[in-house]
Amino acid sequence: GVKVTAIGLGKQANVRELITIASEPKSEHVFTAFLDTL
């Protein structure tokens, strides 16, 4: 029952891994950003 939001930081972010971890819909629970845009 935990709603999981996964945020990848920087160029080394593993987006495939974040998608695996995050809740549905992925578009609302997976994000990538650099520290200055976070």
PDB file of all heavy atoms in Angstrom:
ATOM      1  N   GLY A   1       0.780  -1.228   0.000  1.00  0.00           N
ATOM      2  CA  GLY A   1       0.000   0.000   0.000  1.00  0.00           C
ATOM      3  C   GLY A   1       0.808   1.272   0.000  1.00  0.00           C
ATOM      4  O   GLY A   1       0.235   2.367   0.064  1.00  0.00           O
ATOM      5  N   VAL A   2       2.129   1.170  -0.106  1.00  0.00           N
ATOM      6  CA  VAL A   2       2.976   2.363  -0.124  1.00  0.00           C
ATOM      7  C   VAL A   2       3.004   2.949  -1.538  1.00  0.00           C
ATOM      8  O   VAL A   2       3.273   2.233  -2.509  1.00  0.00           O
ATOM      9  CB  VAL A   2       4.406   2.040   0.334  1.00  0.00           C
ATOM     10  CG1 VAL A   2       5.288   3.283   0.258  1.00  0.00           C
ATOM     11  CG2 VAL A   2       4.400   1.489   1.761  1.00  0.00           C
ATOM     12  N   LYS A   3       2.732   4.236  -1.639  1.00  0.00           N
ATOM     13  CA  LYS A   3       2.846   4.922  -2.927  1.00  0.00           C
ATOM     14  C   LYS A   3       4.298   5.371  -3.080  1.00  0.00           C
ATOM     15  O   LYS A   3       4.824   6.117  -2.263  1.00  0.00           O
ATOM     16  CB  LYS A   3       1.911   6.127  -2.987  1.00  0.00           C
ATOM     17  CG  LYS A   3       1.990   6.886  -4.319  1.00  0.00           C
ATOM     18  CD  LYS A   3       1.007   8.041  -4.361  1.00  0.00           C
ATOM     19  CE  LYS A   3      -0.408   7.550  -4.584  1.00  0.00           C
ATOM     20  NZ  LYS A   3      -1.350   8.665  -4.862  1.00  0.00           N
ATOM     21  N   VAL A   4       4.962   4.907  -4.142  1.00  0.00           N
ATOM     22  CA  VAL A   4       6.399   5.120  -4.303  1.00  0.00           C
ATOM     23  C   VAL A   4       6.676   6.113  -5.427  1.00  0.00           C
ATOM     24  O   VAL A   4       6.279   5.887  -6.578  1.00  0.00           O
ATOM     25  CB  VAL A   4       7.134   3.803  -4.600  1.00  0.00           C
ATOM     26  CG1 VAL A   4       8.641   4.042  -4.696  1.00  0.00           C
ATOM     27  CG2 VAL A   4       6.824   2.753  -3.523  1.00  0.00           C
ATOM     28  N   THR A   5       7.365   7.197  -5.083  1.00  0.00           N
ATOM     29  CA  THR A   5       7.842   8.168  -6.057  1.00  0.00           C
ATOM     30  C   THR A   5       9.361   8.059  -6.130  1.00  0.00           C
ATOM     31  O   THR A   5      10.042   8.090  -5.102  1.00  0.00           O
ATOM     32  CB  THR A   5       7.460   9.601  -5.643  1.00  0.00           C
ATOM     33  OG1 THR A   5       6.033   9.708  -5.609  1.00  0.00           O
ATOM     34  CG2 THR A   5       8.017  10.629  -6.618  1.00  0.00           C
ATOM     35  N   ALA A   6       9.901   7.890  -7.331  1.00  0.00           N
ATOM     36  CA  ALA A   6      11.333   7.690  -7.526  1.00  0.00           C
ATOM     37  C   ALA A   6      11.921   8.854  -8.310  1.00  0.00           C
ATOM     38  O   ALA A   6      11.445   9.167  -9.411  1.00  0.00           O
ATOM     39  CB  ALA A   6      11.594   6.371  -8.248  1.00  0.00           C
ATOM     40  N   ILE A   7      12.939   9.486  -7.745  1.00  0.00           N
ATOM     41  CA  ILE A   7      13.565  10.656  -8.353  1.00  0.00           C
ATOM     42  C   ILE A   7      15.026  10.340  -8.631  1.00  0.00           C
ATOM     43  O   ILE A   7      15.782   9.979  -7.720  1.00  0.00           O
ATOM     44  CB  ILE A   7      13.467  11.881  -7.419  1.00  0.00           C
ATOM     45  CG1 ILE A   7      12.013  12.140  -7.029  1.00  0.00           C
ATOM     46  CG2 ILE A   7      14.080  13.112  -8.082  1.00  0.00           C
ATOM     47  CD1 ILE A   7      11.862  13.134  -5.888  1.00  0.00           C
ATOM     48  N   GLY A   8      15.433  10.464  -9.895  1.00  0.00           N
ATOM     49  CA  GLY A   8      16.815  10.237 -10.284  1.00  0.00           C
ATOM     50  C   GLY A   8      17.561  11.549 -10.390  1.00  0.00           C
ATOM     51  O   GLY A   8      17.081  12.503 -11.011  1.00  0.00           O
ATOM     52  N   LEU A   9      18.738  11.597  -9.799  1.00  0.00           N
ATOM     53  CA  LEU A   9      19.523  12.827  -9.747  1.00  0.00           C
ATOM     54  C   LEU A   9      20.756  12.719 -10.641  1.00  0.00           C
ATOM     55  O   LEU A   9      21.547  11.776 -10.516  1.00  0.00           O
ATOM     56  CB  LEU A   9      19.963  13.105  -8.306  1.00  0.00           C
ATOM     57  CG  LEU A   9      18.850  13.187  -7.261  1.00  0.00           C
ATOM     58  CD1 LEU A   9      19.444  13.360  -5.875  1.00  0.00           C
ATOM     59  CD2 LEU A   9      17.902  14.329  -7.585  1.00  0.00           C
ATOM     60  N   GLY A  10      20.908  13.687 -11.543  1.00  0.00           N
ATOM     61  CA  GLY A  10      22.117  13.768 -12.343  1.00  0.00           C
ATOM     62  C   GLY A  10      22.169  12.821 -13.520  1.00  0.00           C
ATOM     63  O   GLY A  10      21.230  12.076 -13.805  1.00  0.00           O
ATOM     64  N   LYS A  11      23.319  12.832 -14.197  1.00  0.00           N
ATOM     65  CA  LYS A  11      23.492  12.081 -15.430  1.00  0.00           C
ATOM     66  C   LYS A  11      23.547  10.571 -15.201  1.00  0.00           C
ATOM     67  O   LYS A  11      23.317   9.798 -16.127  1.00  0.00           O
ATOM     68  CB  LYS A  11      24.775  12.541 -16.142  1.00  0.00           C
ATOM     69  CG  LYS A  11      24.715  13.962 -16.670  1.00  0.00           C
ATOM     70  CD  LYS A  11      25.956  14.308 -17.456  1.00  0.00           C
ATOM     71  CE  LYS A  11      27.182  14.378 -16.561  1.00  0.00           C
ATOM     72  NZ  LYS A  11      28.382  14.832 -17.316  1.00  0.00           N
ATOM     73  N   GLN A  12      23.893  10.145 -13.988  1.00  0.00           N
ATOM     74  CA  GLN A  12      24.030   8.721 -13.717  1.00  0.00           C
ATOM     75  C   GLN A  12      22.722   8.066 -13.272  1.00  0.00           C
ATOM     76  O   GLN A  12      22.712   6.882 -12.933  1.00  0.00           O
ATOM     77  CB  GLN A  12      25.100   8.512 -12.633  1.00  0.00           C
ATOM     78  CG  GLN A  12      26.464   9.069 -12.986  1.00  0.00           C
ATOM     79  CD  GLN A  12      27.007   8.491 -14.278  1.00  0.00           C
ATOM     80  OE1 GLN A  12      26.921   7.282 -14.502  1.00  0.00           O
ATOM     81  NE2 GLN A  12      27.545   9.346 -15.132  1.00  0.00           N
ATOM     82  N   ALA A  13      21.637   8.830 -13.259  1.00  0.00           N
ATOM     83  CA  ALA A  13      20.350   8.269 -12.830  1.00  0.00           C
ATOM     84  C   ALA A  13      19.962   7.087 -13.711  1.00  0.00           C
ATOM     85  O   ALA A  13      20.048   7.152 -14.940  1.00  0.00           O
ATOM     86  CB  ALA A  13      19.273   9.345 -12.893  1.00  0.00           C
ATOM     87  N   ASN A  14      19.548   6.001 -13.084  1.00  0.00           N
ATOM     88  CA  ASN A  14      19.141   4.794 -13.798  1.00  0.00           C
ATOM     89  C   ASN A  14      17.622   4.822 -13.948  1.00  0.00           C
ATOM     90  O   ASN A  14      16.885   4.365 -13.067  1.00  0.00           O
ATOM     91  CB  ASN A  14      19.596   3.559 -13.020  1.00  0.00           C
ATOM     92  CG  ASN A  14      19.375   2.270 -13.786  1.00  0.00           C
ATOM     93  OD1 ASN A  14      18.391   2.120 -14.514  1.00  0.00           O
ATOM     94  ND2 ASN A  14      20.291   1.328 -13.627  1.00  0.00           N
ATOM     95  N   VAL A  15      17.166   5.354 -15.061  1.00  0.00           N
ATOM     96  CA  VAL A  15      15.740   5.579 -15.257  1.00  0.00           C
ATOM     97  C   VAL A  15      14.972   4.255 -15.296  1.00  0.00           C
ATOM     98  O   VAL A  15      13.874   4.147 -14.742  1.00  0.00           O
ATOM     99  CB  VAL A  15      15.482   6.396 -16.543  1.00  0.00           C
ATOM    100  CG1 VAL A  15      13.980   6.571 -16.773  1.00  0.00           C
ATOM    101  CG2 VAL A  15      16.159   7.758 -16.446  1.00  0.00           C
ATOM    102  N   ARG A  16      15.539   3.245 -15.922  1.00  0.00           N
ATOM    103  CA  ARG A  16      14.879   1.941 -15.977  1.00  0.00           C
ATOM    104  C   ARG A  16      14.629   1.403 -14.567  1.00  0.00           C
ATOM    105  O   ARG A  16      13.562   0.871 -14.255  1.00  0.00           O
ATOM    106  CB  ARG A  16      15.719   0.953 -16.784  1.00  0.00           C
ATOM    107  CG  ARG A  16      15.060  -0.403 -16.996  1.00  0.00           C
ATOM    108  CD  ARG A  16      16.013  -1.359 -17.694  1.00  0.00           C
ATOM    109  NE  ARG A  16      16.390  -0.850 -19.004  1.00  0.00           N
ATOM    110  CZ  ARG A  16      15.725  -1.071 -20.126  1.00  0.00           C
ATOM    111  NH1 ARG A  16      14.608  -1.795 -20.070  1.00  0.00           N
ATOM    112  NH2 ARG A  16      16.139  -0.593 -21.274  1.00  0.00           N
ATOM    113  N   GLU A  17      15.605   1.599 -13.699  1.00  0.00           N
ATOM    114  CA  GLU A  17      15.479   1.148 -12.314  1.00  0.00           C
ATOM    115  C   GLU A  17      14.406   1.938 -11.573  1.00  0.00           C
ATOM    116  O   GLU A  17      13.624   1.387 -10.795  1.00  0.00           O
ATOM    117  CB  GLU A  17      16.834   1.297 -11.622  1.00  0.00           C
ATOM    118  CG  GLU A  17      16.931   0.682 -10.261  1.00  0.00           C
ATOM    119  CD  GLU A  17      18.351   0.730  -9.734  1.00  0.00           C
ATOM    120  OE1 GLU A  17      19.157  -0.139 -10.143  1.00  0.00           O
ATOM    121  OE2 GLU A  17      18.665   1.639  -8.934  1.00  0.00           O
ATOM    122  N   LEU A  18      14.374   3.245 -11.807  1.00  0.00           N
ATOM    123  CA  LEU A  18      13.368   4.088 -11.165  1.00  0.00           C
ATOM    124  C   LEU A  18      11.963   3.663 -11.573  1.00  0.00           C
ATOM    125  O   LEU A  18      11.046   3.613 -10.750  1.00  0.00           O
ATOM    126  CB  LEU A  18      13.593   5.556 -11.535  1.00  0.00           C
ATOM    127  CG  LEU A  18      14.939   6.176 -11.160  1.00  0.00           C
ATOM    128  CD1 LEU A  18      15.024   7.607 -11.688  1.00  0.00           C
ATOM    129  CD2 LEU A  18      15.153   6.156  -9.657  1.00  0.00           C
ATOM    130  N   ILE A  19      11.801   3.343 -12.858  1.00  0.00           N
ATOM    131  CA  ILE A  19      10.499   2.896 -13.363  1.00  0.00           C
ATOM    132  C   ILE A  19      10.090   1.587 -12.701  1.00  0.00           C
ATOM    133  O   ILE A  19       8.913   1.382 -12.359  1.00  0.00           O
ATOM    134  CB  ILE A  19      10.545   2.754 -14.901  1.00  0.00           C
ATOM    135  CG1 ILE A  19      10.676   4.139 -15.552  1.00  0.00           C
ATOM    136  CG2 ILE A  19       9.313   2.021 -15.432  1.00  0.00           C
ATOM    137  CD1 ILE A  19      10.952   4.097 -17.043  1.00  0.00           C
ATOM    138  N   THR A  20      11.050   0.701 -12.496  1.00  0.00           N
ATOM    139  CA  THR A  20      10.777  -0.579 -11.841  1.00  0.00           C
ATOM    140  C   THR A  20      10.282  -0.382 -10.411  1.00  0.00           C
ATOM    141  O   THR A  20       9.388  -1.094  -9.940  1.00  0.00           O
ATOM    142  CB  THR A  20      12.047  -1.450 -11.825  1.00  0.00           C
ATOM    143  OG1 THR A  20      12.460  -1.712 -13.174  1.00  0.00           O
ATOM    144  CG2 THR A  20      11.817  -2.766 -11.092  1.00  0.00           C
ATOM    145  N   ILE A  21      10.837   0.603  -9.721  1.00  0.00           N
ATOM    146  CA  ILE A  21      10.530   0.818  -8.309  1.00  0.00           C
ATOM    147  C   ILE A  21       9.222   1.577  -8.112  1.00  0.00           C
ATOM    148  O   ILE A  21       8.464   1.291  -7.186  1.00  0.00           O
ATOM    149  CB  ILE A  21      11.684   1.594  -7.631  1.00  0.00           C
ATOM    150  CG1 ILE A  21      12.967   0.752  -7.642  1.00  0.00           C
ATOM    151  CG2 ILE A  21      11.323   2.011  -6.209  1.00  0.00           C
ATOM    152  CD1 ILE A  21      14.199   1.517  -7.227  1.00  0.00           C
ATOM    153  N   ALA A  22       8.943   2.537  -8.973  1.00  0.00           N
ATOM    154  CA  ALA A  22       7.875   3.512  -8.730  1.00  0.00           C
ATOM    155  C   ALA A  22       6.474   2.947  -8.938  1.00  0.00           C
ATOM    156  O   ALA A  22       6.263   1.951  -9.627  1.00  0.00           O
ATOM    157  CB  ALA A  22       8.071   4.720  -9.636  1.00  0.00           C
ATOM    158  N   SER A  23       5.512   3.639  -8.330  1.00  0.00           N
ATOM    159  CA  SER A  23       4.099   3.307  -8.476  1.00  0.00           C
ATOM    160  C   SER A  23       3.567   3.751  -9.832  1.00  0.00           C
ATOM    161  O   SER A  23       4.190   4.548 -10.544  1.00  0.00           O
ATOM    162  CB  SER A  23       3.290   3.982  -7.360  1.00  0.00           C
ATOM    163  OG  SER A  23       3.633   3.476  -6.092  1.00  0.00           O
ATOM    164  N   GLU A  24       2.400   3.240 -10.181  1.00  0.00           N
ATOM    165  CA  GLU A  24       1.670   3.678 -11.375  1.00  0.00           C
ATOM    166  C   GLU A  24       0.811   4.888 -11.029  1.00  0.00           C
ATOM    167  O   GLU A  24       0.349   5.008  -9.895  1.00  0.00           O
ATOM    168  CB  GLU A  24       0.783   2.550 -11.895  1.00  0.00           C
ATOM    169  CG  GLU A  24       1.536   1.318 -12.364  1.00  0.00           C
ATOM    170  CD  GLU A  24       2.212   1.490 -13.712  1.00  0.00           C
ATOM    171  OE1 GLU A  24       2.011   2.549 -14.357  1.00  0.00           O
ATOM    172  OE2 GLU A  24       2.943   0.585 -14.115  1.00  0.00           O
ATOM    173  N   PRO A  25       0.540   5.770 -11.993  1.00  0.00           N
ATOM    174  CA  PRO A  25       1.161   5.830 -13.313  1.00  0.00           C
ATOM    175  C   PRO A  25       2.594   6.342 -13.217  1.00  0.00           C
ATOM    176  O   PRO A  25       2.883   7.258 -12.433  1.00  0.00           O
ATOM    177  CB  PRO A  25       0.259   6.804 -14.086  1.00  0.00           C
ATOM    178  CG  PRO A  25      -0.330   7.685 -13.023  1.00  0.00           C
ATOM    179  CD  PRO A  25      -0.480   6.827 -11.804  1.00  0.00           C
ATOM    180  N   LYS A  26       3.481   5.761 -13.995  1.00  0.00           N
ATOM    181  CA  LYS A  26       4.893   6.100 -13.914  1.00  0.00           C
ATOM    182  C   LYS A  26       5.141   7.576 -14.235  1.00  0.00           C
ATOM    183  O   LYS A  26       6.059   8.188 -13.682  1.00  0.00           O
ATOM    184  CB  LYS A  26       5.704   5.227 -14.878  1.00  0.00           C
ATOM    185  CG  LYS A  26       5.513   3.729 -14.682  1.00  0.00           C
ATOM    186  CD  LYS A  26       5.978   3.254 -13.319  1.00  0.00           C
ATOM    187  CE  LYS A  26       5.848   1.740 -13.202  1.00  0.00           C
ATOM    188  NZ  LYS A  26       6.278   1.208 -11.888  1.00  0.00           N
ATOM    189  N   SER A  27       4.315   8.142 -15.103  1.00  0.00           N
ATOM    190  CA  SER A  27       4.500   9.540 -15.495  1.00  0.00           C
ATOM    191  C   SER A  27       4.324  10.502 -14.325  1.00  0.00           C
ATOM    192  O   SER A  27       4.810  11.631 -14.362  1.00  0.00           O
ATOM    193  CB  SER A  27       3.516   9.915 -16.611  1.00  0.00           C
ATOM    194  OG  SER A  27       2.172   9.760 -16.170  1.00  0.00           O
ATOM    195  N   GLU A  28       3.630  10.064 -13.284  1.00  0.00           N
ATOM    196  CA  GLU A  28       3.399  10.916 -12.124  1.00  0.00           C
ATOM    197  C   GLU A  28       4.295  10.561 -10.941  1.00  0.00           C
ATOM    198  O   GLU A  28       4.279  11.249  -9.919  1.00  0.00           O
ATOM    199  CB  GLU A  28       1.931  10.821 -11.692  1.00  0.00           C
ATOM    200  CG  GLU A  28       0.961  11.359 -12.736  1.00  0.00           C
ATOM    201  CD  GLU A  28      -0.488  11.197 -12.316  1.00  0.00           C
ATOM    202  OE1 GLU A  28      -0.741  10.659 -11.217  1.00  0.00           O
ATOM    203  OE2 GLU A  28      -1.371  11.589 -13.096  1.00  0.00           O
ATOM    204  N   HIS A  29       5.078   9.482 -11.077  1.00  0.00           N
ATOM    205  CA  HIS A  29       5.870   9.009  -9.943  1.00  0.00           C
ATOM    206  C   HIS A  29       7.334   8.768 -10.271  1.00  0.00           C
ATOM    207  O   HIS A  29       8.078   8.289  -9.412  1.00  0.00           O
ATOM    208  CB  HIS A  29       5.244   7.739  -9.370  1.00  0.00           C
ATOM    209  CG  HIS A  29       3.876   7.950  -8.825  1.00  0.00           C
ATOM    210  ND1 HIS A  29       3.628   8.662  -7.670  1.00  0.00           N
ATOM    211  CD2 HIS A  29       2.660   7.581  -9.290  1.00  0.00           C
ATOM    212  CE1 HIS A  29       2.328   8.704  -7.448  1.00  0.00           C
ATOM    213  NE2 HIS A  29       1.723   8.064  -8.419  1.00  0.00           N
ATOM    214  N   VAL A  30       7.761   9.107 -11.484  1.00  0.00           N
ATOM    215  CA  VAL A  30       9.174   9.006 -11.861  1.00  0.00           C
ATOM    216  C   VAL A  30       9.636  10.365 -12.371  1.00  0.00           C
ATOM    217  O   VAL A  30       9.020  10.946 -13.275  1.00  0.00           O
ATOM    218  CB  VAL A  30       9.401   7.932 -12.946  1.00  0.00           C
ATOM    219  CG1 VAL A  30      10.872   7.918 -13.360  1.00  0.00           C
ATOM    220  CG2 VAL A  30       8.993   6.555 -12.441  1.00  0.00           C
ATOM    221  N   PHE A  31      10.727  10.854 -11.793  1.00  0.00           N
ATOM    222  CA  PHE A  31      11.267  12.159 -12.161  1.00  0.00           C
ATOM    223  C   PHE A  31      12.784  12.057 -12.278  1.00  0.00           C
ATOM    224  O   PHE A  31      13.420  11.258 -11.577  1.00  0.00           O
ATOM    225  CB  PHE A  31      10.925  13.223 -11.110  1.00  0.00           C
ATOM    226  CG  PHE A  31       9.458  13.422 -10.882  1.00  0.00           C
ATOM    227  CD1 PHE A  31       8.779  12.677  -9.930  1.00  0.00           C
ATOM    228  CD2 PHE A  31       8.746  14.366 -11.609  1.00  0.00           C
ATOM    229  CE1 PHE A  31       7.423  12.848  -9.716  1.00  0.00           C
ATOM    230  CE2 PHE A  31       7.392  14.542 -11.417  1.00  0.00           C
ATOM    231  CZ  PHE A  31       6.730  13.779 -10.463  1.00  0.00           C
ATOM    232  N   THR A  32      13.344  12.869 -13.167  1.00  0.00           N
ATOM    233  CA  THR A  32      14.793  13.024 -13.231  1.00  0.00           C
ATOM    234  C   THR A  32      15.102  14.511 -13.196  1.00  0.00           C
ATOM    235  O   THR A  32      14.348  15.325 -13.731  1.00  0.00           O
ATOM    236  CB  THR A  32      15.387  12.407 -14.511  1.00  0.00           C
ATOM    237  OG1 THR A  32      14.757  13.003 -15.655  1.00  0.00           O
ATOM    238  CG2 THR A  32      15.190  10.898 -14.537  1.00  0.00           C
ATOM    239  N   ALA A  33      16.202  14.847 -12.545  1.00  0.00           N
ATOM    240  CA  ALA A  33      16.561  16.257 -12.412  1.00  0.00           C
ATOM    241  C   ALA A  33      18.023  16.365 -12.035  1.00  0.00           C
ATOM    242  O   ALA A  33      18.637  15.409 -11.545  1.00  0.00           O
ATOM    243  CB  ALA A  33      15.697  16.933 -11.346  1.00  0.00           C
ATOM    244  N   PHE A  34      18.579  17.540 -12.272  1.00  0.00           N
ATOM    245  CA  PHE A  34      19.878  17.882 -11.728  1.00  0.00           C
ATOM    246  C   PHE A  34      19.643  18.665 -10.440  1.00  0.00           C
ATOM    247  O   PHE A  34      18.539  19.148 -10.182  1.00  0.00           O
ATOM    248  CB  PHE A  34      20.686  18.703 -12.739  1.00  0.00           C
ATOM    249  CG  PHE A  34      21.107  17.901 -13.944  1.00  0.00           C
ATOM    250  CD1 PHE A  34      20.322  17.864 -15.082  1.00  0.00           C
ATOM    251  CD2 PHE A  34      22.287  17.173 -13.916  1.00  0.00           C
ATOM    252  CE1 PHE A  34      20.701  17.120 -16.191  1.00  0.00           C
ATOM    253  CE2 PHE A  34      22.680  16.414 -15.017  1.00  0.00           C
ATOM    254  CZ  PHE A  34      21.880  16.388 -16.151  1.00  0.00           C
ATOM    255  N   LEU A  35      20.673  18.797  -9.634  1.00  0.00           N
ATOM    256  CA  LEU A  35      20.486  19.429  -8.332  1.00  0.00           C
ATOM    257  C   LEU A  35      19.959  20.858  -8.447  1.00  0.00           C
ATOM    258  O   LEU A  35      19.146  21.296  -7.631  1.00  0.00           O
ATOM    259  CB  LEU A  35      21.807  19.420  -7.553  1.00  0.00           C
ATOM    260  CG  LEU A  35      22.234  18.053  -7.019  1.00  0.00           C
ATOM    261  CD1 LEU A  35      23.603  18.143  -6.366  1.00  0.00           C
ATOM    262  CD2 LEU A  35      21.221  17.511  -6.015  1.00  0.00           C
ATOM    263  N   ASP A  36      20.398  21.581  -9.501  1.00  0.00           N
ATOM    264  CA  ASP A  36      19.950  22.968  -9.618  1.00  0.00           C
ATOM    265  C   ASP A  36      18.525  23.085 -10.141  1.00  0.00           C
ATOM    266  O   ASP A  36      17.879  24.127  -9.976  1.00  0.00           O
ATOM    267  CB  ASP A  36      20.903  23.791 -10.494  1.00  0.00           C
ATOM    268  CG  ASP A  36      21.086  23.202 -11.878  1.00  0.00           C
ATOM    269  OD1 ASP A  36      20.683  22.047 -12.098  1.00  0.00           O
ATOM    270  OD2 ASP A  36      21.644  23.898 -12.749  1.00  0.00           O
ATOM    271  N   THR A  37      17.993  22.029 -10.757  1.00  0.00           N
ATOM    272  CA  THR A  37      16.615  22.068 -11.264  1.00  0.00           C
ATOM    273  C   THR A  37      15.654  21.276 -10.375  1.00  0.00           C
ATOM    274  O   THR A  37      14.451  21.282 -10.611  1.00  0.00           O
ATOM    275  CB  THR A  37      16.540  21.511 -12.696  1.00  0.00           C
ATOM    276  OG1 THR A  37      16.967  20.132 -12.696  1.00  0.00           O
ATOM    277  CG2 THR A  37      17.440  22.303 -13.637  1.00  0.00           C
ATOM    278  N   LEU A  38      16.182  20.607  -9.373  1.00  0.00           N
ATOM    279  CA  LEU A  38      15.347  19.765  -8.517  1.00  0.00           C
ATOM    280  C   LEU A  38      14.186  20.507  -7.872  1.00  0.00           C
ATOM    281  O   LEU A  38      13.052  20.005  -7.860  1.00  0.00           O
ATOM    282  CB  LEU A  38      16.224  19.102  -7.452  1.00  0.00           C
ATOM    283  CG  LEU A  38      15.644  17.949  -6.643  1.00  0.00           C
ATOM    284  CD1 LEU A  38      15.074  16.857  -7.544  1.00  0.00           C
ATOM    285  CD2 LEU A  38      16.707  17.369  -5.725  1.00  0.00           C
TER     286      LEU A  38
END
